[in-house]
Amino acid sequence: MITLIAAAGENNELGKDNDLVWHLPDDFKRFKKLTTGHHIIMGRKTFESFPKPLPNRTHLVITRNKDYKKEGAVVVHSLDEALLKAHNDPQPFVIGGGEIYKLAIDTADKIELTRVHGRFEADTYFPEIDMNKWQLISEVKHEKDEKHNYSFSYLTYERK
């Protein structure tokens, strides 16, 4: 089962200048809980936005650059190659960025989306979810509080 995992604003905003435009500690905890022990598939810019590789996960980094090498990354040059490398993982996660989500949405079986309730200035977007192909199976709301400047909802979609 291939799962896309993302946090996106009301207009599918993911981030700006290779960074998130919000800070949601509970969403980070959920991301860690869901992805720990799995392969995480991402583009080069997403990988380079981390201060260091995330612990207890295999980082599959998609790049066109044939000479790209980074410690902590398994470098691949296509989504198909990444999925081949992750074939022993029952649930690899695609974690971004925008171009990688677009490549993977037609292959994915599940979407774990944190919908951030707000509109943001962004330069990277999550693809539109076609409700003819996806079914919302779970929704959990999280209100704005002292640690979270925005309310958000955890939405789980499965392919119809």
N, C-alpha and C. Protein backbone atom coordinates (compact mmCIF):
# COMPACT_ATOMS: atom_id res chain seq x y z
N MET A 1 0.85 -1.19 0.00
CA MET A 1 0.00 0.00 0.00
C MET A 1 0.89 1.24 0.00
N ILE A 2 0.75 2.06 -1.02
CA ILE A 2 1.53 3.29 -1.14
C ILE A 2 0.69 4.43 -0.59
N THR A 3 1.26 5.19 0.34
CA THR A 3 0.53 6.26 1.01
C THR A 3 1.20 7.61 0.78
N LEU A 4 0.41 8.59 0.34
CA LEU A 4 0.88 9.96 0.31
C LEU A 4 0.58 10.56 1.68
N ILE A 5 1.54 11.28 2.24
CA ILE A 5 1.31 11.96 3.52
C ILE A 5 1.75 13.40 3.37
N ALA A 6 0.85 14.33 3.74
CA ALA A 6 1.13 15.75 3.55
C ALA A 6 0.29 16.59 4.49
N ALA A 7 0.71 17.83 4.65
CA ALA A 7 -0.10 18.86 5.30
C ALA A 7 -0.28 19.95 4.27
N ALA A 8 -1.54 20.32 4.02
CA ALA A 8 -1.82 21.32 2.99
C ALA A 8 -2.92 22.27 3.47
N GLY A 9 -2.80 23.52 3.05
CA GLY A 9 -3.81 24.52 3.37
C GLY A 9 -5.08 24.31 2.58
N GLU A 10 -6.04 25.19 2.78
CA GLU A 10 -7.35 25.09 2.13
C GLU A 10 -7.26 25.11 0.60
N ASN A 11 -6.25 25.77 0.06
CA ASN A 11 -6.05 25.82 -1.39
C ASN A 11 -4.92 24.88 -1.83
N ASN A 12 -4.68 23.83 -1.04
CA ASN A 12 -3.65 22.82 -1.31
C ASN A 12 -2.22 23.35 -1.19
N GLU A 13 -2.04 24.46 -0.49
CA GLU A 13 -0.69 25.00 -0.29
C GLU A 13 0.13 24.04 0.57
N LEU A 14 1.34 23.77 0.12
CA LEU A 14 2.26 22.93 0.90
C LEU A 14 3.35 23.75 1.57
N GLY A 15 3.90 24.73 0.87
CA GLY A 15 5.01 25.47 1.44
C GLY A 15 5.48 26.58 0.53
N LYS A 16 6.48 27.28 1.03
CA LYS A 16 7.07 28.39 0.27
C LYS A 16 8.56 28.41 0.57
N ASP A 17 9.34 28.65 -0.48
CA ASP A 17 10.81 28.71 -0.35
C ASP A 17 11.37 27.47 0.33
N ASN A 18 10.83 26.30 -0.06
CA ASN A 18 11.29 25.01 0.45
C ASN A 18 11.14 24.86 1.96
N ASP A 19 10.07 25.46 2.49
CA ASP A 19 9.78 25.33 3.91
C ASP A 19 8.27 25.33 4.10
N LEU A 20 7.82 24.82 5.24
CA LEU A 20 6.41 24.86 5.58
C LEU A 20 6.04 26.29 5.98
N VAL A 21 4.76 26.63 5.85
CA VAL A 21 4.32 27.97 6.21
C VAL A 21 3.53 27.98 7.51
N TRP A 22 3.63 26.89 8.28
CA TRP A 22 2.99 26.77 9.59
C TRP A 22 3.85 25.86 10.46
N HIS A 23 3.57 25.89 11.75
CA HIS A 23 4.25 25.00 12.70
C HIS A 23 3.16 24.31 13.51
N LEU A 24 3.01 23.00 13.30
CA LEU A 24 1.97 22.22 13.96
C LEU A 24 2.60 21.02 14.67
N PRO A 25 2.99 21.19 15.94
CA PRO A 25 3.69 20.11 16.65
C PRO A 25 2.95 18.78 16.66
N ASP A 26 1.62 18.80 16.81
CA ASP A 26 0.88 17.53 16.85
C ASP A 26 0.92 16.83 15.49
N ASP A 27 0.95 17.61 14.41
CA ASP A 27 1.06 17.02 13.08
C ASP A 27 2.43 16.38 12.89
N PHE A 28 3.48 17.03 13.39
CA PHE A 28 4.83 16.43 13.32
C PHE A 28 4.86 15.10 14.06
N LYS A 29 4.21 15.05 15.24
CA LYS A 29 4.18 13.81 16.03
C LYS A 29 3.45 12.71 15.25
N ARG A 30 2.35 13.07 14.61
CA ARG A 30 1.59 12.09 13.82
C ARG A 30 2.42 11.60 12.64
N PHE A 31 3.09 12.52 11.96
CA PHE A 31 3.95 12.15 10.83
C PHE A 31 5.02 11.15 11.30
N LYS A 32 5.64 11.45 12.42
CA LYS A 32 6.68 10.56 12.96
C LYS A 32 6.11 9.19 13.28
N LYS A 33 4.96 9.16 13.95
CA LYS A 33 4.33 7.89 14.34
C LYS A 33 4.00 7.05 13.12
N LEU A 34 3.43 7.67 12.08
CA LEU A 34 3.01 6.93 10.90
C LEU A 34 4.18 6.45 10.05
N THR A 35 5.23 7.27 9.93
CA THR A 35 6.30 6.95 8.97
C THR A 35 7.49 6.19 9.57
N THR A 36 7.64 6.20 10.90
CA THR A 36 8.77 5.51 11.51
C THR A 36 8.77 4.03 11.14
N GLY A 37 9.95 3.56 10.74
CA GLY A 37 10.11 2.17 10.34
C GLY A 37 9.81 1.90 8.88
N HIS A 38 9.45 2.94 8.13
CA HIS A 38 9.08 2.78 6.73
C HIS A 38 10.06 3.49 5.80
N HIS A 39 9.92 3.21 4.51
CA HIS A 39 10.62 3.96 3.47
C HIS A 39 9.83 5.25 3.25
N ILE A 40 10.55 6.36 3.14
CA ILE A 40 9.91 7.63 2.81
C ILE A 40 10.52 8.11 1.49
N ILE A 41 9.63 8.40 0.54
CA ILE A 41 10.02 8.77 -0.81
C ILE A 41 9.81 10.27 -0.97
N MET A 42 10.85 10.94 -1.47
CA MET A 42 10.77 12.40 -1.57
C MET A 42 11.66 12.89 -2.70
N GLY A 43 11.45 14.14 -3.06
CA GLY A 43 12.33 14.80 -4.00
C GLY A 43 13.57 15.33 -3.29
N ARG A 44 14.56 15.70 -4.09
CA ARG A 44 15.83 16.20 -3.55
C ARG A 44 15.63 17.43 -2.68
N LYS A 45 14.81 18.38 -3.13
CA LYS A 45 14.64 19.62 -2.36
C LYS A 45 14.00 19.35 -1.00
N THR A 46 13.06 18.43 -0.96
CA THR A 46 12.45 18.06 0.33
C THR A 46 13.51 17.47 1.25
N PHE A 47 14.32 16.55 0.72
CA PHE A 47 15.38 15.95 1.53
C PHE A 47 16.33 17.01 2.05
N GLU A 48 16.71 17.94 1.20
CA GLU A 48 17.67 18.97 1.60
C GLU A 48 17.07 20.00 2.56
N SER A 49 15.75 20.01 2.71
CA SER A 49 15.12 20.93 3.66
C SER A 49 15.23 20.41 5.10
N PHE A 50 15.59 19.13 5.28
CA PHE A 50 15.75 18.57 6.62
C PHE A 50 17.12 18.95 7.17
N PRO A 51 17.20 19.26 8.46
CA PRO A 51 18.53 19.52 9.05
C PRO A 51 19.42 18.27 9.00
N LYS A 52 18.80 17.10 9.12
CA LYS A 52 19.52 15.82 9.00
C LYS A 52 18.47 14.76 8.66
N PRO A 53 18.90 13.59 8.19
CA PRO A 53 17.91 12.55 7.89
C PRO A 53 17.06 12.22 9.11
N LEU A 54 15.81 11.89 8.85
CA LEU A 54 14.89 11.57 9.93
C LEU A 54 15.21 10.17 10.47
N PRO A 55 15.24 10.00 11.77
CA PRO A 55 15.64 8.70 12.34
C PRO A 55 14.64 7.58 12.04
N ASN A 56 15.19 6.37 11.93
CA ASN A 56 14.41 5.14 11.79
C ASN A 56 13.51 5.10 10.56
N ARG A 57 13.99 5.69 9.48
CA ARG A 57 13.30 5.66 8.20
C ARG A 57 14.34 5.55 7.09
N THR A 58 14.01 4.87 6.01
CA THR A 58 14.87 4.80 4.84
C THR A 58 14.46 5.92 3.89
N HIS A 59 15.39 6.80 3.59
CA HIS A 59 15.12 7.97 2.75
C HIS A 59 15.43 7.64 1.29
N LEU A 60 14.39 7.58 0.46
CA LEU A 60 14.56 7.38 -0.98
C LEU A 60 14.37 8.74 -1.63
N VAL A 61 15.44 9.24 -2.25
CA VAL A 61 15.44 10.60 -2.79
C VAL A 61 15.46 10.54 -4.31
N ILE A 62 14.42 11.10 -4.92
CA ILE A 62 14.31 11.13 -6.38
C ILE A 62 14.95 12.41 -6.90
N THR A 63 15.88 12.25 -7.83
CA THR A 63 16.52 13.40 -8.46
C THR A 63 16.89 13.05 -9.90
N ARG A 64 16.91 14.06 -10.76
CA ARG A 64 17.38 13.86 -12.14
C ARG A 64 18.90 13.86 -12.20
N ASN A 65 19.56 14.40 -11.17
CA ASN A 65 21.01 14.53 -11.14
C ASN A 65 21.65 13.16 -10.91
N LYS A 66 22.29 12.64 -11.93
CA LYS A 66 22.90 11.30 -11.86
C LYS A 66 24.11 11.26 -10.91
N ASP A 67 24.68 12.41 -10.60
CA ASP A 67 25.86 12.47 -9.73
C ASP A 67 25.52 12.78 -8.27
N TYR A 68 24.23 12.94 -7.96
CA TYR A 68 23.82 13.34 -6.61
C TYR A 68 24.11 12.23 -5.61
N LYS A 69 24.76 12.60 -4.53
CA LYS A 69 25.02 11.68 -3.42
C LYS A 69 24.92 12.47 -2.12
N LYS A 70 24.23 11.91 -1.16
CA LYS A 70 24.14 12.52 0.17
C LYS A 70 24.09 11.42 1.20
N GLU A 71 24.80 11.63 2.29
CA GLU A 71 24.76 10.66 3.37
C GLU A 71 23.34 10.57 3.92
N GLY A 72 22.88 9.35 4.13
CA GLY A 72 21.55 9.14 4.67
C GLY A 72 20.48 8.99 3.61
N ALA A 73 20.86 9.13 2.32
CA ALA A 73 19.89 9.05 1.24
C ALA A 73 20.20 7.88 0.32
N VAL A 74 19.16 7.17 -0.08
CA VAL A 74 19.26 6.22 -1.18
C VAL A 74 18.77 6.98 -2.40
N VAL A 75 19.67 7.27 -3.33
CA VAL A 75 19.35 8.12 -4.47
C VAL A 75 18.78 7.27 -5.60
N VAL A 76 17.64 7.71 -6.13
CA VAL A 76 16.99 7.06 -7.26
C VAL A 76 16.63 8.15 -8.28
N HIS A 77 16.25 7.72 -9.48
CA HIS A 77 16.02 8.70 -10.54
C HIS A 77 14.61 8.65 -11.11
N SER A 78 13.73 7.89 -10.46
CA SER A 78 12.32 7.86 -10.87
C SER A 78 11.48 7.32 -9.73
N LEU A 79 10.18 7.58 -9.81
CA LEU A 79 9.25 7.03 -8.81
C LEU A 79 9.26 5.50 -8.90
N ASP A 80 9.28 4.96 -10.11
CA ASP A 80 9.30 3.50 -10.27
C ASP A 80 10.51 2.89 -9.58
N GLU A 81 11.66 3.51 -9.73
CA GLU A 81 12.88 3.02 -9.08
C GLU A 81 12.75 3.08 -7.56
N ALA A 82 12.16 4.16 -7.05
CA ALA A 82 11.94 4.29 -5.60
C ALA A 82 11.03 3.18 -5.10
N LEU A 83 9.95 2.91 -5.84
CA LEU A 83 9.01 1.88 -5.41
C LEU A 83 9.65 0.49 -5.46
N LEU A 84 10.53 0.26 -6.43
CA LEU A 84 11.26 -1.02 -6.48
C LEU A 84 12.15 -1.18 -5.24
N LYS A 85 12.83 -0.10 -4.87
CA LYS A 85 13.71 -0.15 -3.68
C LYS A 85 12.90 -0.38 -2.40
N ALA A 86 11.63 0.06 -2.41
CA ALA A 86 10.78 -0.05 -1.22
C ALA A 86 9.88 -1.29 -1.25
N HIS A 87 10.13 -2.22 -2.17
CA HIS A 87 9.20 -3.33 -2.39
C HIS A 87 8.98 -4.21 -1.15
N ASN A 88 9.92 -4.27 -0.23
CA ASN A 88 9.74 -5.08 0.98
C ASN A 88 8.97 -4.36 2.08
N ASP A 89 8.70 -3.07 1.88
CA ASP A 89 7.97 -2.28 2.87
C ASP A 89 6.47 -2.39 2.55
N PRO A 90 5.66 -2.85 3.50
CA PRO A 90 4.22 -2.96 3.21
C PRO A 90 3.53 -1.60 3.04
N GLN A 91 4.16 -0.52 3.50
CA GLN A 91 3.54 0.79 3.37
C GLN A 91 4.60 1.89 3.24
N PRO A 92 5.20 2.05 2.05
CA PRO A 92 6.08 3.20 1.87
C PRO A 92 5.25 4.48 1.81
N PHE A 93 5.86 5.58 2.24
CA PHE A 93 5.17 6.88 2.27
C PHE A 93 5.85 7.83 1.29
N VAL A 94 5.04 8.53 0.51
CA VAL A 94 5.52 9.61 -0.34
C VAL A 94 5.31 10.88 0.47
N ILE A 95 6.42 11.63 0.71
CA ILE A 95 6.33 12.77 1.63
C ILE A 95 6.56 14.12 0.95
N GLY A 96 6.71 14.15 -0.36
CA GLY A 96 6.81 15.43 -1.05
C GLY A 96 8.03 15.57 -1.89
N GLY A 97 8.18 16.69 -2.48
CA GLY A 97 7.33 17.84 -2.54
C GLY A 97 6.23 17.72 -3.60
N GLY A 98 5.79 18.90 -4.02
CA GLY A 98 4.66 19.00 -4.92
C GLY A 98 4.78 18.16 -6.18
N GLU A 99 5.93 18.19 -6.83
CA GLU A 99 6.12 17.43 -8.07
C GLU A 99 6.08 15.93 -7.81
N ILE A 100 6.62 15.49 -6.70
CA ILE A 100 6.64 14.07 -6.37
C ILE A 100 5.22 13.60 -6.04
N TYR A 101 4.44 14.43 -5.33
CA TYR A 101 3.04 14.08 -5.08
C TYR A 101 2.29 13.91 -6.40
N LYS A 102 2.52 14.82 -7.35
CA LYS A 102 1.84 14.74 -8.65
C LYS A 102 2.20 13.45 -9.37
N LEU A 103 3.47 13.06 -9.30
CA LEU A 103 3.91 11.80 -9.92
C LEU A 103 3.24 10.59 -9.25
N ALA A 104 3.05 10.66 -7.95
CA ALA A 104 2.64 9.48 -7.18
C ALA A 104 1.15 9.34 -6.97
N ILE A 105 0.36 10.38 -7.16
CA ILE A 105 -1.05 10.31 -6.76
C ILE A 105 -1.83 9.25 -7.54
N ASP A 106 -1.46 8.98 -8.78
CA ASP A 106 -2.17 7.95 -9.54
C ASP A 106 -1.75 6.53 -9.17
N THR A 107 -0.64 6.39 -8.45
CA THR A 107 -0.13 5.09 -8.02
C THR A 107 -0.55 4.78 -6.58
N ALA A 108 -0.84 5.81 -5.81
CA ALA A 108 -1.10 5.66 -4.38
C ALA A 108 -2.42 4.93 -4.11
N ASP A 109 -2.45 4.28 -2.94
CA ASP A 109 -3.65 3.59 -2.46
C ASP A 109 -4.35 4.38 -1.36
N LYS A 110 -3.58 5.29 -0.72
CA LYS A 110 -4.09 5.98 0.47
C LYS A 110 -3.47 7.37 0.53
N ILE A 111 -4.22 8.31 1.10
CA ILE A 111 -3.70 9.66 1.36
C ILE A 111 -3.97 9.99 2.82
N GLU A 112 -2.91 10.36 3.53
CA GLU A 112 -3.03 10.88 4.90
C GLU A 112 -2.76 12.38 4.78
N LEU A 113 -3.83 13.16 4.80
CA LEU A 113 -3.71 14.60 4.59
C LEU A 113 -4.09 15.36 5.84
N THR A 114 -3.20 16.23 6.29
CA THR A 114 -3.55 17.17 7.34
C THR A 114 -3.99 18.44 6.63
N ARG A 115 -5.29 18.74 6.72
CA ARG A 115 -5.83 19.94 6.07
C ARG A 115 -5.73 21.08 7.06
N VAL A 116 -4.85 22.04 6.78
CA VAL A 116 -4.65 23.19 7.65
C VAL A 116 -5.71 24.23 7.27
N HIS A 117 -6.50 24.64 8.24
CA HIS A 117 -7.63 25.53 7.97
C HIS A 117 -7.15 26.98 7.91
N GLY A 118 -6.77 27.37 6.72
CA GLY A 118 -6.29 28.71 6.44
C GLY A 118 -5.83 28.78 5.00
N ARG A 119 -5.56 30.00 4.57
CA ARG A 119 -5.04 30.22 3.21
C ARG A 119 -3.67 30.86 3.38
N PHE A 120 -2.73 30.40 2.56
CA PHE A 120 -1.33 30.76 2.77
C PHE A 120 -0.68 31.16 1.45
N GLU A 121 0.33 32.03 1.55
CA GLU A 121 1.16 32.33 0.40
C GLU A 121 2.09 31.14 0.21
N ALA A 122 2.11 30.59 -1.00
CA ALA A 122 2.88 29.37 -1.23
C ALA A 122 3.43 29.35 -2.66
N ASP A 123 4.43 28.49 -2.86
CA ASP A 123 4.93 28.26 -4.22
C ASP A 123 4.92 26.77 -4.57
N THR A 124 4.42 25.95 -3.63
CA THR A 124 4.34 24.50 -3.85
C THR A 124 2.96 24.03 -3.38
N TYR A 125 2.36 23.14 -4.18
CA TYR A 125 0.98 22.73 -3.93
C TYR A 125 0.81 21.22 -3.99
N PHE A 126 -0.14 20.72 -3.20
CA PHE A 126 -0.56 19.32 -3.27
C PHE A 126 -1.53 19.20 -4.43
N PRO A 127 -1.52 18.08 -5.16
CA PRO A 127 -2.46 17.94 -6.27
C PRO A 127 -3.91 17.87 -5.78
N GLU A 128 -4.81 18.26 -6.65
CA GLU A 128 -6.24 18.19 -6.35
C GLU A 128 -6.63 16.73 -6.14
N ILE A 129 -7.44 16.45 -5.13
CA ILE A 129 -7.93 15.10 -4.87
C ILE A 129 -9.23 14.91 -5.64
N ASP A 130 -9.23 14.00 -6.58
CA ASP A 130 -10.40 13.71 -7.41
C ASP A 130 -11.34 12.81 -6.61
N MET A 131 -12.46 13.37 -6.18
CA MET A 131 -13.38 12.62 -5.32
C MET A 131 -14.11 11.50 -6.07
N ASN A 132 -13.93 11.43 -7.39
CA ASN A 132 -14.44 10.28 -8.15
C ASN A 132 -13.53 9.07 -7.95
N LYS A 133 -12.28 9.32 -7.53
CA LYS A 133 -11.31 8.25 -7.36
C LYS A 133 -11.00 7.94 -5.90
N TRP A 134 -11.30 8.88 -5.00
CA TRP A 134 -10.93 8.76 -3.59
C TRP A 134 -12.16 8.87 -2.70
N GLN A 135 -12.11 8.15 -1.58
CA GLN A 135 -13.19 8.20 -0.60
C GLN A 135 -12.61 8.60 0.75
N LEU A 136 -13.21 9.60 1.38
CA LEU A 136 -12.80 10.01 2.73
C LEU A 136 -13.30 8.96 3.71
N ILE A 137 -12.37 8.33 4.45
CA ILE A 137 -12.78 7.27 5.38
C ILE A 137 -12.63 7.69 6.85
N SER A 138 -11.90 8.79 7.09
CA SER A 138 -11.71 9.22 8.48
C SER A 138 -11.41 10.72 8.50
N GLU A 139 -11.97 11.39 9.49
CA GLU A 139 -11.71 12.83 9.69
C GLU A 139 -11.67 13.10 11.18
N VAL A 140 -10.55 13.68 11.63
CA VAL A 140 -10.38 14.04 13.04
C VAL A 140 -9.98 15.51 13.09
N LYS A 141 -10.79 16.31 13.77
CA LYS A 141 -10.53 17.76 13.85
C LYS A 141 -9.62 18.08 15.05
N HIS A 142 -8.78 19.09 14.85
CA HIS A 142 -7.89 19.57 15.89
C HIS A 142 -8.05 21.09 15.92
N GLU A 143 -8.50 21.60 17.03
CA GLU A 143 -8.73 23.05 17.13
C GLU A 143 -7.42 23.81 17.34
N LYS A 144 -7.46 25.08 17.02
CA LYS A 144 -6.36 25.99 17.32
C LYS A 144 -6.17 26.02 18.83
N ASP A 145 -4.91 26.07 19.28
CA ASP A 145 -4.65 26.14 20.72
C ASP A 145 -3.33 26.87 20.96
N GLU A 146 -2.83 26.80 22.20
CA GLU A 146 -1.61 27.56 22.53
C GLU A 146 -0.38 27.08 21.76
N LYS A 147 -0.38 25.84 21.27
CA LYS A 147 0.76 25.32 20.50
C LYS A 147 0.54 25.36 18.99
N HIS A 148 -0.69 25.64 18.56
CA HIS A 148 -1.05 25.57 17.14
C HIS A 148 -1.79 26.85 16.75
N ASN A 149 -1.19 27.61 15.83
CA ASN A 149 -1.80 28.88 15.40
C ASN A 149 -2.98 28.69 14.45
N TYR A 150 -3.17 27.46 13.98
CA TYR A 150 -4.26 27.17 13.05
C TYR A 150 -4.97 25.91 13.50
N SER A 151 -6.27 25.86 13.24
CA SER A 151 -6.97 24.58 13.41
C SER A 151 -6.66 23.74 12.17
N PHE A 152 -6.82 22.42 12.31
CA PHE A 152 -6.55 21.53 11.19
C PHE A 152 -7.33 20.24 11.39
N SER A 153 -7.41 19.45 10.33
CA SER A 153 -8.10 18.17 10.37
C SER A 153 -7.22 17.10 9.75
N TYR A 154 -7.19 15.94 10.39
CA TYR A 154 -6.51 14.78 9.80
C TYR A 154 -7.54 14.07 8.92
N LEU A 155 -7.26 14.00 7.63
CA LEU A 155 -8.17 13.36 6.68
C LEU A 155 -7.48 12.13 6.11
N THR A 156 -8.16 11.01 6.13
CA THR A 156 -7.63 9.79 5.52
C THR A 156 -8.53 9.41 4.36
N TYR A 157 -7.91 9.28 3.19
CA TYR A 157 -8.61 8.88 1.97
C TYR A 157 -8.09 7.53 1.51
N GLU A 158 -8.98 6.72 0.96
CA GLU A 158 -8.58 5.49 0.29
C GLU A 158 -9.11 5.52 -1.13
N ARG A 159 -8.36 4.88 -2.02
CA ARG A 159 -8.77 4.82 -3.41
C ARG A 159 -10.06 4.01 -3.50
N LYS A 160 -11.00 4.49 -4.31
CA LYS A 160 -12.29 3.79 -4.51
C LYS A 160 -12.07 2.53 -5.33
